[in-house]
Amino acid sequence: MNWSGGKDSALCLHRIKQDPNYHINALLTSVNAVHDRVSMHGVRRRLLEAQAASLNYPLHTLELPEMPGMMEYESIMTSQLNAFKSLGYTHSVFGDIFLEDLRAYREIKLEAMGLQAAFPLWNIPTEQLMEEFLDLGFKAIIVCVNDRYLDKSFCGRLIDGSFVRDLPPGVDVCGENGEYHSFVFDGPVFNHPVTFTKGEIVRRTYDAPRTDTLNPDSMDQPSSYGFYFCDLLPSV
C-alpha cells in the first residue's frame, strides 16, 4: 500500500481491506531524508511511524534527498520494489482518483518489473469519496495548502462539513489537483487514534519545474510556488 498518511490513502486502505482478492502486508511512504518528514506533506517521521503502529502494518520508507530528480527517484523506487517482489509481493496499491498520466506511468513501470497496480478509488467522484470518508468516521487535519488555491486559514483545519463548505469554487473537494494535503489520525482502519498537538504554521517557497523557454505560453507560468505547512508535534 502506497501510504502518504493522508485521507485518500486511508480511504483506499479501508476499501481494499474489504476486497477478498487482496491482502495488504506493508505500507510504503516517501520520506524527505534531509528533513525527516513525509515528502510533500511535511509530517514528521515519528507521526508516520505512529500511524503505521496503529494500523498494525510494517512501514517501509523511500529515503529521498532534497528535491530528487526523476532518475534518482526511479532508481530508489525500483530498488525497493525489487525487494518487495523478492518477498513474493504481486501488487502495488495507490489512492489515485483521476490523474490519467500518473496512472499510466505507474502501470508501465510496474509491468516492466512484473508487478501490477491497483486503484480502489479510481474515477469515483471526489464529492462521493469525501462523503464516504466523513461518514465512516475518519478524522484528518490539513497539514499543507498550495497558496495558489487556498489561503493560510485553511492550514491546520480539521476536515469536516464546515471545511468542505468553505472551499472556494474550482477547488477539488479531495485536493486532487494538489490544492492541499492531510494527515489522518483516526478512523475505522486504526486500532487507536494517533495523538499530536498543533505547532506553528510556516510558508515555504519552491522553484517551479523548468519549462520550455522557447514556448511563449511558458512565460505565463509562475517561477515559484508557495505552500503553507502546519507542523504537527507528536505527543510524548
C-alpha atoms as a PDB file:
ATOM      1  CA  MET A   1       0.000   0.000   0.000  1.00  0.00           C
ATOM      2  CA  ASN A   2       1.467   3.320  -1.107  1.00  0.00           C
ATOM      3  CA  TRP A   3       0.772   5.291   2.037  1.00  0.00           C
ATOM      4  CA  SER A   4       1.036   9.090   2.159  1.00  0.00           C
ATOM      5  CA  GLY A   5      -0.616   9.394   5.558  1.00  0.00           C
ATOM      6  CA  GLY A   6      -3.460  11.440   4.075  1.00  0.00           C
ATOM      7  CA  LYS A   7      -7.167  10.901   3.608  1.00  0.00           C
ATOM      8  CA  ASP A   8      -7.063   9.294   0.138  1.00  0.00           C
ATOM      9  CA  SER A   9      -4.577   6.689   1.381  1.00  0.00           C
ATOM     10  CA  ALA A  10      -6.733   5.963   4.415  1.00  0.00           C
ATOM     11  CA  LEU A  11      -9.944   5.563   2.414  1.00  0.00           C
ATOM     12  CA  CYS A  12      -8.099   3.496  -0.197  1.00  0.00           C
ATOM     13  CA  LEU A  13      -6.797   1.183   2.527  1.00  0.00           C
ATOM     14  CA  HIS A  14     -10.271   0.831   4.025  1.00  0.00           C
ATOM     15  CA  ARG A  15     -11.767  -0.070   0.654  1.00  0.00           C
ATOM     16  CA  ILE A  16      -9.142  -2.615  -0.351  1.00  0.00           C
ATOM     17  CA  LYS A  17      -9.358  -4.307   3.044  1.00  0.00           C
ATOM     18  CA  GLN A  18     -12.970  -5.118   2.115  1.00  0.00           C
ATOM     19  CA  ASP A  19     -11.851  -6.819  -1.128  1.00  0.00           C
ATOM     20  CA  PRO A  20     -11.110 -10.545  -0.643  1.00  0.00           C
ATOM     21  CA  ASN A  21      -8.855 -10.519  -3.720  1.00  0.00           C
ATOM     22  CA  TYR A  22      -6.215  -8.511  -1.879  1.00  0.00           C
ATOM     23  CA  HIS A  23      -4.292  -8.793   1.360  1.00  0.00           C
ATOM     24  CA  ILE A  24      -2.234  -5.790   2.436  1.00  0.00           C
ATOM     25  CA  ASN A  25       1.080  -6.675   4.043  1.00  0.00           C
ATOM     26  CA  ALA A  26       3.104  -3.445   4.140  1.00  0.00           C
ATOM     27  CA  LEU A  27       2.998   0.336   3.813  1.00  0.00           C
ATOM     28  CA  LEU A  28       5.413   2.306   1.620  1.00  0.00           C
ATOM     29  CA  THR A  29       5.951   6.042   2.139  1.00  0.00           C
ATOM     30  CA  SER A  30       8.306   8.548   0.507  1.00  0.00           C
ATOM     31  CA  VAL A  31      10.277  10.450   3.140  1.00  0.00           C
ATOM     32  CA  ASN A  32      12.483  13.504   2.743  1.00  0.00           C
ATOM     33  CA  ALA A  33      15.587  12.150   4.463  1.00  0.00           C
ATOM     34  CA  VAL A  34      17.048  15.643   4.867  1.00  0.00           C
ATOM     35  CA  HIS A  35      14.155  16.945   6.971  1.00  0.00           C
ATOM     36  CA  ASP A  36      12.946  13.551   8.271  1.00  0.00           C
ATOM     37  CA  ARG A  37       9.410  14.260   7.124  1.00  0.00           C
ATOM     38  CA  VAL A  38       6.882  12.776   4.706  1.00  0.00           C
ATOM     39  CA  SER A  39       7.551  14.153   1.224  1.00  0.00           C
ATOM     40  CA  MET A  40       5.181  16.980   0.204  1.00  0.00           C
ATOM     41  CA  HIS A  41       3.079  16.607   3.362  1.00  0.00           C
ATOM     42  CA  GLY A  42       5.781  17.757   5.769  1.00  0.00           C
ATOM     43  CA  VAL A  43       4.619  15.378   8.526  1.00  0.00           C
ATOM     44  CA  ARG A  44       7.290  14.226  10.973  1.00  0.00           C
ATOM     45  CA  ARG A  45       8.551  10.663  10.664  1.00  0.00           C
ATOM     46  CA  ARG A  46       7.506   9.879  14.250  1.00  0.00           C
ATOM     47  CA  LEU A  47       3.862  10.559  13.386  1.00  0.00           C
ATOM     48  CA  LEU A  48       4.133   8.429  10.258  1.00  0.00           C
ATOM     49  CA  GLU A  49       5.503   5.625  12.414  1.00  0.00           C
ATOM     50  CA  ALA A  50       2.671   6.161  14.907  1.00  0.00           C
ATOM     51  CA  GLN A  51       0.145   5.776  12.086  1.00  0.00           C
ATOM     52  CA  ALA A  52       1.734   2.503  10.955  1.00  0.00           C
ATOM     53  CA  ALA A  53       1.753   1.193  14.519  1.00  0.00           C
ATOM     54  CA  SER A  54      -1.948   1.962  14.941  1.00  0.00           C
ATOM     55  CA  LEU A  55      -2.710   0.397  11.554  1.00  0.00           C
ATOM     56  CA  ASN A  56      -0.624  -2.638  12.565  1.00  0.00           C
ATOM     57  CA  TYR A  57       1.348  -2.799   9.312  1.00  0.00           C
ATOM     58  CA  PRO A  58       5.117  -2.798   8.818  1.00  0.00           C
ATOM     59  CA  LEU A  59       6.330   0.526   7.411  1.00  0.00           C
ATOM     60  CA  HIS A  60       8.885   0.821   4.621  1.00  0.00           C
ATOM     61  CA  THR A  61      10.221   4.206   3.524  1.00  0.00           C
ATOM     62  CA  LEU A  62      11.797   5.557   0.378  1.00  0.00           C
ATOM     63  CA  GLU A  63      14.616   7.711   1.751  1.00  0.00           C
ATOM     64  CA  LEU A  64      14.730  10.590  -0.733  1.00  0.00           C
ATOM     65  CA  PRO A  65      17.171  13.511  -0.926  1.00  0.00           C
ATOM     66  CA  GLU A  66      16.005  17.120  -1.082  1.00  0.00           C
ATOM     67  CA  MET A  67      14.319  17.730  -4.472  1.00  0.00           C
ATOM     68  CA  PRO A  68      15.363  14.432  -6.156  1.00  0.00           C
ATOM     69  CA  GLY A  69      15.490  14.231  -9.940  1.00  0.00           C
ATOM     70  CA  MET A  70      13.271  11.736 -11.739  1.00  0.00           C
ATOM     71  CA  MET A  71      16.133   9.338 -12.499  1.00  0.00           C
ATOM     72  CA  GLU A  72      17.225   9.352  -8.865  1.00  0.00           C
ATOM     73  CA  TYR A  73      13.662   8.803  -7.650  1.00  0.00           C
ATOM     74  CA  GLU A  74      13.078   5.933 -10.080  1.00  0.00           C
ATOM     75  CA  SER A  75      16.334   4.250  -9.077  1.00  0.00           C
ATOM     76  CA  ILE A  76      15.397   4.325  -5.379  1.00  0.00           C
ATOM     77  CA  MET A  77      11.841   3.167  -6.096  1.00  0.00           C
ATOM     78  CA  THR A  78      12.979   0.339  -8.377  1.00  0.00           C
ATOM     79  CA  SER A  79      15.336  -0.965  -5.718  1.00  0.00           C
ATOM     80  CA  GLN A  80      12.536  -1.027  -3.130  1.00  0.00           C
ATOM     81  CA  LEU A  81      10.044  -2.673  -5.475  1.00  0.00           C
ATOM     82  CA  ASN A  82      12.563  -5.370  -6.405  1.00  0.00           C
ATOM     83  CA  ALA A  83      12.975  -6.075  -2.705  1.00  0.00           C
ATOM     84  CA  PHE A  84       9.193  -6.424  -2.335  1.00  0.00           C
ATOM     85  CA  LYS A  85       8.984  -8.670  -5.384  1.00  0.00           C
ATOM     86  CA  SER A  86      11.673 -10.961  -3.990  1.00  0.00           C
ATOM     87  CA  LEU A  87       9.455 -11.444  -0.928  1.00  0.00           C
ATOM     88  CA  GLY A  88       6.503 -12.525  -3.062  1.00  0.00           C
ATOM     89  CA  TYR A  89       4.566  -9.271  -3.381  1.00  0.00           C
ATOM     90  CA  THR A  90       2.460  -9.032  -6.541  1.00  0.00           C
ATOM     91  CA  HIS A  91       0.624  -5.674  -6.407  1.00  0.00           C
ATOM     92  CA  SER A  92       1.207  -2.049  -5.546  1.00  0.00           C
ATOM     93  CA  VAL A  93      -1.903  -0.189  -4.345  1.00  0.00           C
ATOM     94  CA  PHE A  94      -2.484   3.531  -4.983  1.00  0.00           C
ATOM     95  CA  GLY A  95      -5.078   6.068  -3.846  1.00  0.00           C
ATOM     96  CA  ASP A  96      -5.100   7.962  -7.165  1.00  0.00           C
ATOM     97  CA  ILE A  97      -8.503   9.138  -8.376  1.00  0.00           C
ATOM     98  CA  PHE A  98      -8.365  10.979 -11.700  1.00  0.00           C
ATOM     99  CA  LEU A  99      -4.819  11.606 -12.925  1.00  0.00           C
ATOM    100  CA  GLU A 100      -4.629   9.528 -16.129  1.00  0.00           C
ATOM    101  CA  ASP A 101      -0.973  10.282 -16.913  1.00  0.00           C
ATOM    102  CA  LEU A 102       0.127   9.313 -13.421  1.00  0.00           C
ATOM    103  CA  ARG A 103      -1.812   6.059 -13.528  1.00  0.00           C
ATOM    104  CA  ALA A 104      -0.338   5.163 -16.920  1.00  0.00           C
ATOM    105  CA  TYR A 105       3.174   5.925 -15.628  1.00  0.00           C
ATOM    106  CA  ARG A 106       2.705   3.709 -12.589  1.00  0.00           C
ATOM    107  CA  GLU A 107       1.278   0.828 -14.613  1.00  0.00           C
ATOM    108  CA  ILE A 108       4.050   0.923 -17.212  1.00  0.00           C
ATOM    109  CA  LYS A 109       6.824   0.982 -14.611  1.00  0.00           C
ATOM    110  CA  LEU A 110       5.283  -1.811 -12.539  1.00  0.00           C
ATOM    111  CA  GLU A 111       4.517  -4.005 -15.553  1.00  0.00           C
ATOM    112  CA  ALA A 112       8.172  -3.782 -16.613  1.00  0.00           C
ATOM    113  CA  MET A 113       9.060  -5.267 -13.217  1.00  0.00           C
ATOM    114  CA  GLY A 114       6.428  -7.996 -13.329  1.00  0.00           C
ATOM    115  CA  LEU A 115       4.161  -6.272 -10.814  1.00  0.00           C
ATOM    116  CA  GLN A 116       0.584  -4.994 -11.053  1.00  0.00           C
ATOM    117  CA  ALA A 117      -1.109  -1.797  -9.882  1.00  0.00           C
ATOM    118  CA  ALA A 118      -4.447  -1.483  -8.100  1.00  0.00           C
ATOM    119  CA  PHE A 119      -6.516   1.722  -7.832  1.00  0.00           C
ATOM    120  CA  PRO A 120      -9.504   1.219  -5.491  1.00  0.00           C
ATOM    121  CA  LEU A 121     -10.639   4.880  -5.724  1.00  0.00           C
ATOM    122  CA  TRP A 122     -10.272   5.270  -9.473  1.00  0.00           C
ATOM    123  CA  ASN A 123     -12.810   7.521 -11.244  1.00  0.00           C
ATOM    124  CA  ILE A 124     -15.105   7.784  -8.223  1.00  0.00           C
ATOM    125  CA  PRO A 125     -16.444  11.381  -7.928  1.00  0.00           C
ATOM    126  CA  THR A 126     -14.483  13.199  -5.248  1.00  0.00           C
ATOM    127  CA  GLU A 127     -17.640  14.544  -3.627  1.00  0.00           C
ATOM    128  CA  GLN A 128     -18.746  10.938  -3.113  1.00  0.00           C
ATOM    129  CA  LEU A 129     -15.351   9.961  -1.702  1.00  0.00           C
ATOM    130  CA  MET A 130     -15.347  12.856   0.748  1.00  0.00           C
ATOM    131  CA  GLU A 131     -18.856  11.995   1.927  1.00  0.00           C
ATOM    132  CA  GLU A 132     -17.805   8.369   2.422  1.00  0.00           C
ATOM    133  CA  PHE A 133     -14.649   9.434   4.270  1.00  0.00           C
ATOM    134  CA  LEU A 134     -16.614  11.544   6.746  1.00  0.00           C
ATOM    135  CA  ASP A 135     -19.484   9.061   7.121  1.00  0.00           C
ATOM    136  CA  LEU A 136     -17.016   6.307   8.041  1.00  0.00           C
ATOM    137  CA  GLY A 137     -15.757   8.428  10.923  1.00  0.00           C
ATOM    138  CA  PHE A 138     -12.276   9.199   9.640  1.00  0.00           C
ATOM    139  CA  LYS A 139     -10.605  12.210  11.219  1.00  0.00           C
ATOM    140  CA  ALA A 140      -7.956  14.263   9.440  1.00  0.00           C
ATOM    141  CA  ILE A 141      -6.221  17.628   9.651  1.00  0.00           C
ATOM    142  CA  ILE A 142      -4.911  19.808   6.820  1.00  0.00           C
ATOM    143  CA  VAL A 143      -1.104  19.880   7.013  1.00  0.00           C
ATOM    144  CA  CYS A 144      -0.238  21.616   3.733  1.00  0.00           C
ATOM    145  CA  VAL A 145      -2.003  24.011   1.350  1.00  0.00           C
ATOM    146  CA  ASN A 146      -0.896  25.361  -2.010  1.00  0.00           C
ATOM    147  CA  ASP A 147      -1.400  29.119  -1.779  1.00  0.00           C
ATOM    148  CA  ARG A 148      -2.366  29.285  -5.444  1.00  0.00           C
ATOM    149  CA  TYR A 149      -5.661  27.719  -4.391  1.00  0.00           C
ATOM    150  CA  LEU A 150      -6.147  28.158  -0.642  1.00  0.00           C
ATOM    151  CA  ASP A 151      -5.060  30.775   1.872  1.00  0.00           C
ATOM    152  CA  LYS A 152      -3.302  30.267   5.188  1.00  0.00           C
ATOM    153  CA  SER A 153      -6.575  29.993   7.122  1.00  0.00           C
ATOM    154  CA  PHE A 154      -7.201  26.512   5.699  1.00  0.00           C
ATOM    155  CA  CYS A 155      -3.907  25.140   7.012  1.00  0.00           C
ATOM    156  CA  GLY A 156      -4.362  23.332  10.320  1.00  0.00           C
ATOM    157  CA  ARG A 157      -8.130  22.898   9.933  1.00  0.00           C
ATOM    158  CA  LEU A 158      -9.919  19.623  10.537  1.00  0.00           C
ATOM    159  CA  ILE A 159     -11.591  18.034   7.534  1.00  0.00           C
ATOM    160  CA  ASP A 160     -15.303  18.209   8.277  1.00  0.00           C
ATOM    161  CA  GLY A 161     -18.503  19.543   6.773  1.00  0.00           C
ATOM    162  CA  SER A 162     -17.525  23.118   7.558  1.00  0.00           C
ATOM    163  CA  PHE A 163     -14.194  22.705   5.760  1.00  0.00           C
ATOM    164  CA  VAL A 164     -15.928  21.314   2.680  1.00  0.00           C
ATOM    165  CA  ARG A 165     -18.460  24.160   2.594  1.00  0.00           C
ATOM    166  CA  ASP A 166     -15.709  26.788   2.876  1.00  0.00           C
ATOM    167  CA  LEU A 167     -13.674  25.556  -0.089  1.00  0.00           C
ATOM    168  CA  PRO A 168     -13.551  28.188  -2.864  1.00  0.00           C
ATOM    169  CA  PRO A 169     -15.122  27.454  -6.266  1.00  0.00           C
ATOM    170  CA  GLY A 170     -12.831  25.439  -8.515  1.00  0.00           C
ATOM    171  CA  VAL A 171     -11.021  23.696  -5.664  1.00  0.00           C
ATOM    172  CA  ASP A 172     -11.422  19.924  -5.752  1.00  0.00           C
ATOM    173  CA  VAL A 173     -13.005  18.712  -2.518  1.00  0.00           C
ATOM    174  CA  CYS A 174     -10.353  15.969  -2.203  1.00  0.00           C
ATOM    175  CA  GLY A 175      -7.488  18.232  -3.274  1.00  0.00           C
ATOM    176  CA  GLU A 176      -6.906  16.055  -6.321  1.00  0.00           C
ATOM    177  CA  ASN A 177      -5.125  18.914  -8.128  1.00  0.00           C
ATOM    178  CA  GLY A 178      -2.631  19.380  -5.311  1.00  0.00           C
ATOM    179  CA  GLU A 179      -4.640  22.063  -3.503  1.00  0.00           C
ATOM    180  CA  TYR A 180      -3.978  20.554  -0.073  1.00  0.00           C
ATOM    181  CA  HIS A 181      -2.592  17.545   1.805  1.00  0.00           C
ATOM    182  CA  SER A 182      -3.823  15.986   5.029  1.00  0.00           C
ATOM    183  CA  PHE A 183      -2.865  13.775   7.947  1.00  0.00           C
ATOM    184  CA  VAL A 184      -5.358  11.133   9.092  1.00  0.00           C
ATOM    185  CA  PHE A 185      -5.247  10.410  12.806  1.00  0.00           C
ATOM    186  CA  ASP A 186      -8.292   8.233  13.455  1.00  0.00           C
ATOM    187  CA  GLY A 187     -10.879   6.098  11.708  1.00  0.00           C
ATOM    188  CA  PRO A 188     -12.064   2.535  11.082  1.00  0.00           C
ATOM    189  CA  VAL A 189      -8.663   1.254   9.885  1.00  0.00           C
ATOM    190  CA  PHE A 190      -6.887   2.458  13.054  1.00  0.00           C
ATOM    191  CA  ASN A 191      -6.642   0.490  16.278  1.00  0.00           C
ATOM    192  CA  HIS A 192      -6.351   3.719  18.278  1.00  0.00           C
ATOM    193  CA  PRO A 193      -6.090   7.459  17.497  1.00  0.00           C
ATOM    194  CA  VAL A 194      -2.708   8.978  16.662  1.00  0.00           C
ATOM    195  CA  THR A 195      -2.222  11.832  19.119  1.00  0.00           C
ATOM    196  CA  PHE A 196      -0.424  15.085  18.437  1.00  0.00           C
ATOM    197  CA  THR A 197      -0.511  18.806  19.122  1.00  0.00           C
ATOM    198  CA  LYS A 198      -0.608  21.561  16.528  1.00  0.00           C
ATOM    199  CA  GLY A 199       2.574  23.561  16.099  1.00  0.00           C
ATOM    200  CA  GLU A 200       3.369  26.656  14.080  1.00  0.00           C
ATOM    201  CA  ILE A 201       2.246  27.356  10.525  1.00  0.00           C
ATOM    202  CA  VAL A 202       5.051  28.314   8.160  1.00  0.00           C
ATOM    203  CA  ARG A 203       5.261  29.280   4.489  1.00  0.00           C
ATOM    204  CA  ARG A 204       7.809  27.693   2.158  1.00  0.00           C
ATOM    205  CA  THR A 205       8.594  28.633  -1.423  1.00  0.00           C
ATOM    206  CA  TYR A 206       9.829  26.180  -4.032  1.00  0.00           C
ATOM    207  CA  ASP A 207      11.142  26.805  -7.535  1.00  0.00           C
ATOM    208  CA  ALA A 208       8.771  25.769 -10.296  1.00  0.00           C
ATOM    209  CA  PRO A 209       9.884  22.957 -12.614  1.00  0.00           C
ATOM    210  CA  ARG A 210      11.770  24.122 -15.690  1.00  0.00           C
ATOM    211  CA  THR A 211       9.660  24.727 -18.776  1.00  0.00           C
ATOM    212  CA  ASP A 212      10.423  25.240 -22.430  1.00  0.00           C
ATOM    213  CA  THR A 213      11.772  28.796 -22.660  1.00  0.00           C
ATOM    214  CA  LEU A 214      11.081  28.788 -26.409  1.00  0.00           C
ATOM    215  CA  ASN A 215       7.376  28.302 -25.785  1.00  0.00           C
ATOM    216  CA  PRO A 216       5.619  31.687 -25.344  1.00  0.00           C
ATOM    217  CA  ASP A 217       2.970  30.067 -23.145  1.00  0.00           C
ATOM    218  CA  SER A 218       5.631  29.144 -20.601  1.00  0.00           C
ATOM    219  CA  MET A 219       6.159  32.829 -19.839  1.00  0.00           C
ATOM    220  CA  ASP A 220       2.776  32.850 -18.072  1.00  0.00           C
ATOM    221  CA  GLN A 221       3.795  30.114 -15.651  1.00  0.00           C
ATOM    222  CA  PRO A 222       4.928  31.114 -12.141  1.00  0.00           C
ATOM    223  CA  SER A 223       8.635  30.869 -11.353  1.00  0.00           C
ATOM    224  CA  SER A 224       7.921  29.544  -7.855  1.00  0.00           C
ATOM    225  CA  TYR A 225       5.175  28.033  -5.745  1.00  0.00           C
ATOM    226  CA  GLY A 226       4.224  28.818  -2.161  1.00  0.00           C
ATOM    227  CA  PHE A 227       2.923  26.361   0.412  1.00  0.00           C
ATOM    228  CA  TYR A 228       1.750  26.720   3.998  1.00  0.00           C
ATOM    229  CA  PHE A 229       2.621  23.859   6.346  1.00  0.00           C
ATOM    230  CA  CYS A 230       1.103  23.170   9.749  1.00  0.00           C
ATOM    231  CA  ASP A 231       3.644  21.408  11.927  1.00  0.00           C
ATOM    232  CA  LEU A 232       2.247  18.536  13.986  1.00  0.00           C
ATOM    233  CA  LEU A 233       4.098  17.658  17.164  1.00  0.00           C
ATOM    234  CA  PRO A 234       3.988  14.026  18.356  1.00  0.00           C
ATOM    235  CA  SER A 235       2.575  13.558  21.832  1.00  0.00           C
ATOM    236  CA  VAL A 236       5.160  12.491  24.384  1.00  0.00           C
END
